[in-house]
C-alpha atoms as a PDB file:
ATOM      1  CA  UNK A   1     -37.642  15.085 -22.113  1.00  0.00           C
ATOM      2  CA  UNK A   2     -36.524  16.614 -25.183  1.00  0.00           C
ATOM      3  CA  UNK A   3     -33.854  14.934 -27.689  1.00  0.00           C
ATOM      4  CA  UNK A   4     -32.039  16.364 -30.115  1.00  0.00           C
ATOM      5  CA  UNK A   5     -28.525  18.354 -29.029  1.00  0.00           C
ATOM      6  CA  UNK A   6     -30.138  21.849 -29.141  1.00  0.00           C
ATOM      7  CA  UNK A   7     -33.237  20.844 -26.319  1.00  0.00           C
ATOM      8  CA  UNK A   8     -30.952  18.769 -24.468  1.00  0.00           C
ATOM      9  CA  UNK A   9     -29.569  19.697 -21.473  1.00  0.00           C
ATOM     10  CA  UNK A  10     -26.847  17.529 -19.685  1.00  0.00           C
ATOM     11  CA  UNK A  11     -28.210  17.050 -16.614  1.00  0.00           C
ATOM     12  CA  UNK A  12     -31.195  16.007 -17.495  1.00  0.00           C
ATOM     13  CA  UNK A  13     -29.389  12.724 -18.863  1.00  0.00           C
ATOM     14  CA  UNK A  14     -26.921  12.407 -16.025  1.00  0.00           C
ATOM     15  CA  UNK A  15     -29.712   9.330 -13.776  1.00  0.00           C
ATOM     16  CA  UNK A  16     -32.282   9.341 -15.937  1.00  0.00           C
ATOM     17  CA  UNK A  17     -34.231   6.071 -16.252  1.00  0.00           C
ATOM     18  CA  UNK A  18     -35.488   6.536 -19.505  1.00  0.00           C
ATOM     19  CA  UNK A  19     -34.036   4.989 -22.326  1.00  0.00           C
ATOM     20  CA  UNK A  20     -32.831   7.637 -24.779  1.00  0.00           C
ATOM     21  CA  UNK A  21     -31.141   7.585 -27.887  1.00  0.00           C
ATOM     22  CA  UNK A  22     -29.206  10.277 -28.341  1.00  0.00           C
ATOM     23  CA  UNK A  23     -27.765  11.001 -32.453  1.00  0.00           C
ATOM     24  CA  UNK A  24     -23.989  12.074 -32.895  1.00  0.00           C
ATOM     25  CA  UNK A  25     -24.766  15.688 -32.801  1.00  0.00           C
ATOM     26  CA  UNK A  26     -26.257  14.609 -29.046  1.00  0.00           C
ATOM     27  CA  UNK A  27     -22.673  12.965 -28.145  1.00  0.00           C
ATOM     28  CA  UNK A  28     -20.696  15.425 -29.156  1.00  0.00           C
ATOM     29  CA  UNK A  29     -22.833  18.042 -26.964  1.00  0.00           C
ATOM     30  CA  UNK A  30     -22.216  15.755 -23.496  1.00  0.00           C
ATOM     31  CA  UNK A  31     -18.697  15.670 -24.107  1.00  0.00           C
ATOM     32  CA  UNK A  32     -18.292  19.423 -25.069  1.00  0.00           C
ATOM     33  CA  UNK A  33     -19.744  20.604 -21.760  1.00  0.00           C
ATOM     34  CA  UNK A  34     -18.052  17.501 -19.982  1.00  0.00           C
ATOM     35  CA  UNK A  35     -15.204  18.932 -21.252  1.00  0.00           C
ATOM     36  CA  UNK A  36     -15.885  22.389 -20.215  1.00  0.00           C
ATOM     37  CA  UNK A  37     -16.504  21.400 -17.000  1.00  0.00           C
ATOM     38  CA  UNK A  38     -13.388  19.859 -15.967  1.00  0.00           C
ATOM     39  CA  UNK A  39     -11.246  22.928 -17.525  1.00  0.00           C
ATOM     40  CA  UNK A  40     -12.885  25.272 -15.403  1.00  0.00           C
ATOM     41  CA  UNK A  41     -11.465  22.726 -12.678  1.00  0.00           C
ATOM     42  CA  UNK A  42      -8.936  23.948 -10.425  1.00  0.00           C
ATOM     43  CA  UNK A  43      -5.283  22.587 -11.291  1.00  0.00           C
ATOM     44  CA  UNK A  44      -5.460  20.928  -7.632  1.00  0.00           C
ATOM     45  CA  UNK A  45      -8.842  19.708  -8.944  1.00  0.00           C
ATOM     46  CA  UNK A  46      -7.579  18.028 -11.780  1.00  0.00           C
ATOM     47  CA  UNK A  47      -4.367  16.674 -10.185  1.00  0.00           C
ATOM     48  CA  UNK A  48      -6.781  15.162  -6.957  1.00  0.00           C
ATOM     49  CA  UNK A  49      -9.122  13.709  -9.374  1.00  0.00           C
ATOM     50  CA  UNK A  50      -5.941  12.027 -11.630  1.00  0.00           C
ATOM     51  CA  UNK A  51      -5.122  10.729  -8.541  1.00  0.00           C
ATOM     52  CA  UNK A  52      -8.261   9.270  -8.058  1.00  0.00           C
ATOM     53  CA  UNK A  53      -8.327   7.680 -10.776  1.00  0.00           C
ATOM     54  CA  UNK A  54      -4.455   5.720  -9.887  1.00  0.00           C
ATOM     55  CA  UNK A  55      -6.058   5.129  -6.951  1.00  0.00           C
ATOM     56  CA  UNK A  56      -8.951   3.404  -8.351  1.00  0.00           C
ATOM     57  CA  UNK A  57      -7.018   1.764 -11.106  1.00  0.00           C
ATOM     58  CA  UNK A  58      -4.680   0.202  -8.093  1.00  0.00           C
ATOM     59  CA  UNK A  59      -7.761  -1.135  -5.641  1.00  0.00           C
ATOM     60  CA  UNK A  60      -8.911  -2.499  -9.040  1.00  0.00           C
ATOM     61  CA  UNK A  61      -6.184  -4.080 -10.561  1.00  0.00           C
ATOM     62  CA  UNK A  62      -4.754  -6.011  -6.961  1.00  0.00           C
ATOM     63  CA  UNK A  63      -9.025  -6.688  -6.902  1.00  0.00           C
ATOM     64  CA  UNK A  64      -9.389  -8.739  -9.983  1.00  0.00           C
ATOM     65  CA  UNK A  65      -8.612 -12.254  -9.816  1.00  0.00           C
ATOM     66  CA  UNK A  66      -6.096 -13.159 -12.922  1.00  0.00           C
ATOM     67  CA  UNK A  67      -5.771 -10.520 -14.855  1.00  0.00           C
ATOM     68  CA  UNK A  68      -5.090 -11.697 -18.868  1.00  0.00           C
ATOM     69  CA  UNK A  69      -2.127  -9.001 -18.457  1.00  0.00           C
ATOM     70  CA  UNK A  70       0.300  -8.146 -15.925  1.00  0.00           C
ATOM     71  CA  UNK A  71       0.499  -4.871 -14.877  1.00  0.00           C
ATOM     72  CA  UNK A  72       3.663  -3.879 -13.212  1.00  0.00           C
ATOM     73  CA  UNK A  73       3.370  -1.339 -10.623  1.00  0.00           C
ATOM     74  CA  UNK A  74       6.046   0.393 -12.190  1.00  0.00           C
ATOM     75  CA  UNK A  75       3.321   0.781 -15.380  1.00  0.00           C
ATOM     76  CA  UNK A  76       0.858   2.450 -12.861  1.00  0.00           C
ATOM     77  CA  UNK A  77       3.580   5.198 -11.880  1.00  0.00           C
ATOM     78  CA  UNK A  78       4.614   6.094 -15.572  1.00  0.00           C
ATOM     79  CA  UNK A  79       0.889   6.726 -16.730  1.00  0.00           C
ATOM     80  CA  UNK A  80       0.420   8.605 -13.391  1.00  0.00           C
ATOM     81  CA  UNK A  81       3.124  10.822 -14.620  1.00  0.00           C
ATOM     82  CA  UNK A  82       2.488  11.734 -17.562  1.00  0.00           C
ATOM     83  CA  UNK A  83      -0.595  12.642 -16.422  1.00  0.00           C
ATOM     84  CA  UNK A  84       0.526  14.708 -13.835  1.00  0.00           C
ATOM     85  CA  UNK A  85       3.321  16.154 -16.602  1.00  0.00           C
ATOM     86  CA  UNK A  86       6.259  15.215 -14.049  1.00  0.00           C
ATOM     87  CA  UNK A  87       9.074  13.706 -16.293  1.00  0.00           C
ATOM     88  CA  UNK A  88      10.548  10.707 -14.887  1.00  0.00           C
ATOM     89  CA  UNK A  89      14.425  11.638 -14.235  1.00  0.00           C
ATOM     90  CA  UNK A  90      12.977  14.508 -11.678  1.00  0.00           C
ATOM     91  CA  UNK A  91      10.797  11.596  -9.834  1.00  0.00           C
ATOM     92  CA  UNK A  92      13.524   8.883  -9.440  1.00  0.00           C
ATOM     93  CA  UNK A  93      15.638  11.905  -8.352  1.00  0.00           C
ATOM     94  CA  UNK A  94      12.992  12.556  -6.249  1.00  0.00           C
ATOM     95  CA  UNK A  95      12.459   8.515  -4.445  1.00  0.00           C
ATOM     96  CA  UNK A  96      16.472   8.437  -4.508  1.00  0.00           C
ATOM     97  CA  UNK A  97      16.307   6.169  -7.557  1.00  0.00           C
ATOM     98  CA  UNK A  98      19.278   6.273 -10.064  1.00  0.00           C
ATOM     99  CA  UNK A  99      17.919   8.137 -13.162  1.00  0.00           C
ATOM    100  CA  UNK A 100      19.668   5.675 -15.688  1.00  0.00           C
ATOM    101  CA  UNK A 101      18.116   3.321 -13.528  1.00  0.00           C
ATOM    102  CA  UNK A 102      14.300   4.453 -13.212  1.00  0.00           C
ATOM    103  CA  UNK A 103      13.510   2.533 -16.400  1.00  0.00           C
ATOM    104  CA  UNK A 104      14.058  -0.644 -14.848  1.00  0.00           C
ATOM    105  CA  UNK A 105      11.504   0.203 -12.481  1.00  0.00           C
ATOM    106  CA  UNK A 106       8.747   1.288 -14.534  1.00  0.00           C
ATOM    107  CA  UNK A 107       9.512  -1.842 -16.624  1.00  0.00           C
ATOM    108  CA  UNK A 108       8.693  -3.725 -13.909  1.00  0.00           C
ATOM    109  CA  UNK A 109      11.910  -5.517 -14.256  1.00  0.00           C
ATOM    110  CA  UNK A 110      13.590  -4.314 -10.647  1.00  0.00           C
ATOM    111  CA  UNK A 111      10.701  -4.019  -7.582  1.00  0.00           C
ATOM    112  CA  UNK A 112      10.242  -0.850  -5.928  1.00  0.00           C
ATOM    113  CA  UNK A 113      11.687  -1.079  -1.951  1.00  0.00           C
ATOM    114  CA  UNK A 114       9.715  -1.096   1.415  1.00  0.00           C
ATOM    115  CA  UNK A 115      10.929   2.515   1.929  1.00  0.00           C
ATOM    116  CA  UNK A 116       9.991   3.118  -1.987  1.00  0.00           C
ATOM    117  CA  UNK A 117       6.754   2.423  -1.462  1.00  0.00           C
ATOM    118  CA  UNK A 118       6.891   4.209   2.081  1.00  0.00           C
ATOM    119  CA  UNK A 119       7.504   7.589   0.084  1.00  0.00           C
ATOM    120  CA  UNK A 120       4.933   7.440  -3.323  1.00  0.00           C
ATOM    121  CA  UNK A 121       2.967   6.284  -0.321  1.00  0.00           C
ATOM    122  CA  UNK A 122       3.104   9.806   1.656  1.00  0.00           C
ATOM    123  CA  UNK A 123       3.120  11.581  -2.451  1.00  0.00           C
ATOM    124  CA  UNK A 124       0.027   9.643  -4.062  1.00  0.00           C
ATOM    125  CA  UNK A 125      -2.029   9.279  -0.536  1.00  0.00           C
ATOM    126  CA  UNK A 126      -1.716   5.915  -1.682  1.00  0.00           C
ATOM    127  CA  UNK A 127      -1.631   2.743   1.386  1.00  0.00           C
ATOM    128  CA  UNK A 128       1.939   1.089   0.665  1.00  0.00           C
ATOM    129  CA  UNK A 129       0.644  -2.367   1.229  1.00  0.00           C
ATOM    130  CA  UNK A 130      -1.216  -1.307  -1.979  1.00  0.00           C
ATOM    131  CA  UNK A 131       1.629  -0.764  -3.831  1.00  0.00           C
ATOM    132  CA  UNK A 132       3.754  -3.550  -2.314  1.00  0.00           C
ATOM    133  CA  UNK A 133       0.883  -5.621  -3.375  1.00  0.00           C
ATOM    134  CA  UNK A 134       0.164  -5.104  -6.375  1.00  0.00           C
ATOM    135  CA  UNK A 135       4.338  -6.917  -7.200  1.00  0.00           C
ATOM    136  CA  UNK A 136       3.736  -9.740  -5.102  1.00  0.00           C
ATOM    137  CA  UNK A 137       0.320 -10.775  -6.687  1.00  0.00           C
ATOM    138  CA  UNK A 138       2.377 -10.142 -10.221  1.00  0.00           C
ATOM    139  CA  UNK A 139       5.107 -12.058  -9.235  1.00  0.00           C
ATOM    140  CA  UNK A 140       2.604 -14.746  -7.983  1.00  0.00           C
ATOM    141  CA  UNK A 141       0.356 -15.239 -11.101  1.00  0.00           C
ATOM    142  CA  UNK A 142       3.550 -15.024 -13.322  1.00  0.00           C
ATOM    143  CA  UNK A 143       5.453 -18.323 -11.003  1.00  0.00           C
ATOM    144  CA  UNK A 144       2.175 -19.564 -11.199  1.00  0.00           C
ATOM    145  CA  UNK A 145       2.112 -19.521 -14.672  1.00  0.00           C
ATOM    146  CA  UNK A 146       5.698 -20.597 -15.897  1.00  0.00           C
ATOM    147  CA  UNK A 147       5.149 -23.869 -13.292  1.00  0.00           C
ATOM    148  CA  UNK A 148       1.835 -24.107 -14.421  1.00  0.00           C
ATOM    149  CA  UNK A 149       0.400 -28.130 -13.635  1.00  0.00           C
ATOM    150  CA  UNK A 150       3.448 -27.930 -11.187  1.00  0.00           C
ATOM    151  CA  UNK A 151       1.643 -27.559  -7.719  1.00  0.00           C
ATOM    152  CA  UNK A 152      -0.943 -29.807  -8.967  1.00  0.00           C
ATOM    153  CA  UNK A 153       1.168 -32.700  -7.396  1.00  0.00           C
ATOM    154  CA  UNK A 154       1.997 -31.293  -4.211  1.00  0.00           C
ATOM    155  CA  UNK A 155      -0.700 -33.190  -1.377  1.00  0.00           C
ATOM    156  CA  UNK A 156      -0.798 -33.047   2.401  1.00  0.00           C
ATOM    157  CA  UNK A 157      -2.299 -36.907   2.379  1.00  0.00           C
ATOM    158  CA  UNK A 158       0.854 -38.055   0.348  1.00  0.00           C
ATOM    159  CA  UNK A 159       3.020 -36.029   2.549  1.00  0.00           C
ATOM    160  CA  UNK A 160       1.375 -37.685   6.229  1.00  0.00           C
ATOM    161  CA  UNK A 161       1.706 -41.098   3.999  1.00  0.00           C
ATOM    162  CA  UNK A 162       5.175 -40.860   3.375  1.00  0.00           C
END
């Protein structure tokens, strides 16, 4: 394989085990090629890609032990709506939340109900359990952090000896 942006073929780079040294032009060439591939995709395929990324980020967050930063379900949804160019107010009305109150959901100040989770499941093809698990995980993390050390004194042997 040759290096140098004129001679580099994108498909040669992907999956190649050789250690490659890229110039700034090589990186720009690869970025341009990927951008063109994306731009040539249908709108349906672009939405599918966005939803796949959304689902992956949700599952990845759920699987992460003790994340440094708690991310509310509402923040995940806010990011998704932005990518899909859906206005928050339109989304709120669609899932029967007052447009005046939707920001409380997006900020994590109010939890999405099971009913909302089932609507979101249908809309975004992501399991309602995953959506609710994010809310529960965040609540557990915040409670543990705010009561740090308090639960250390709880012990079954003390209770039995009681």
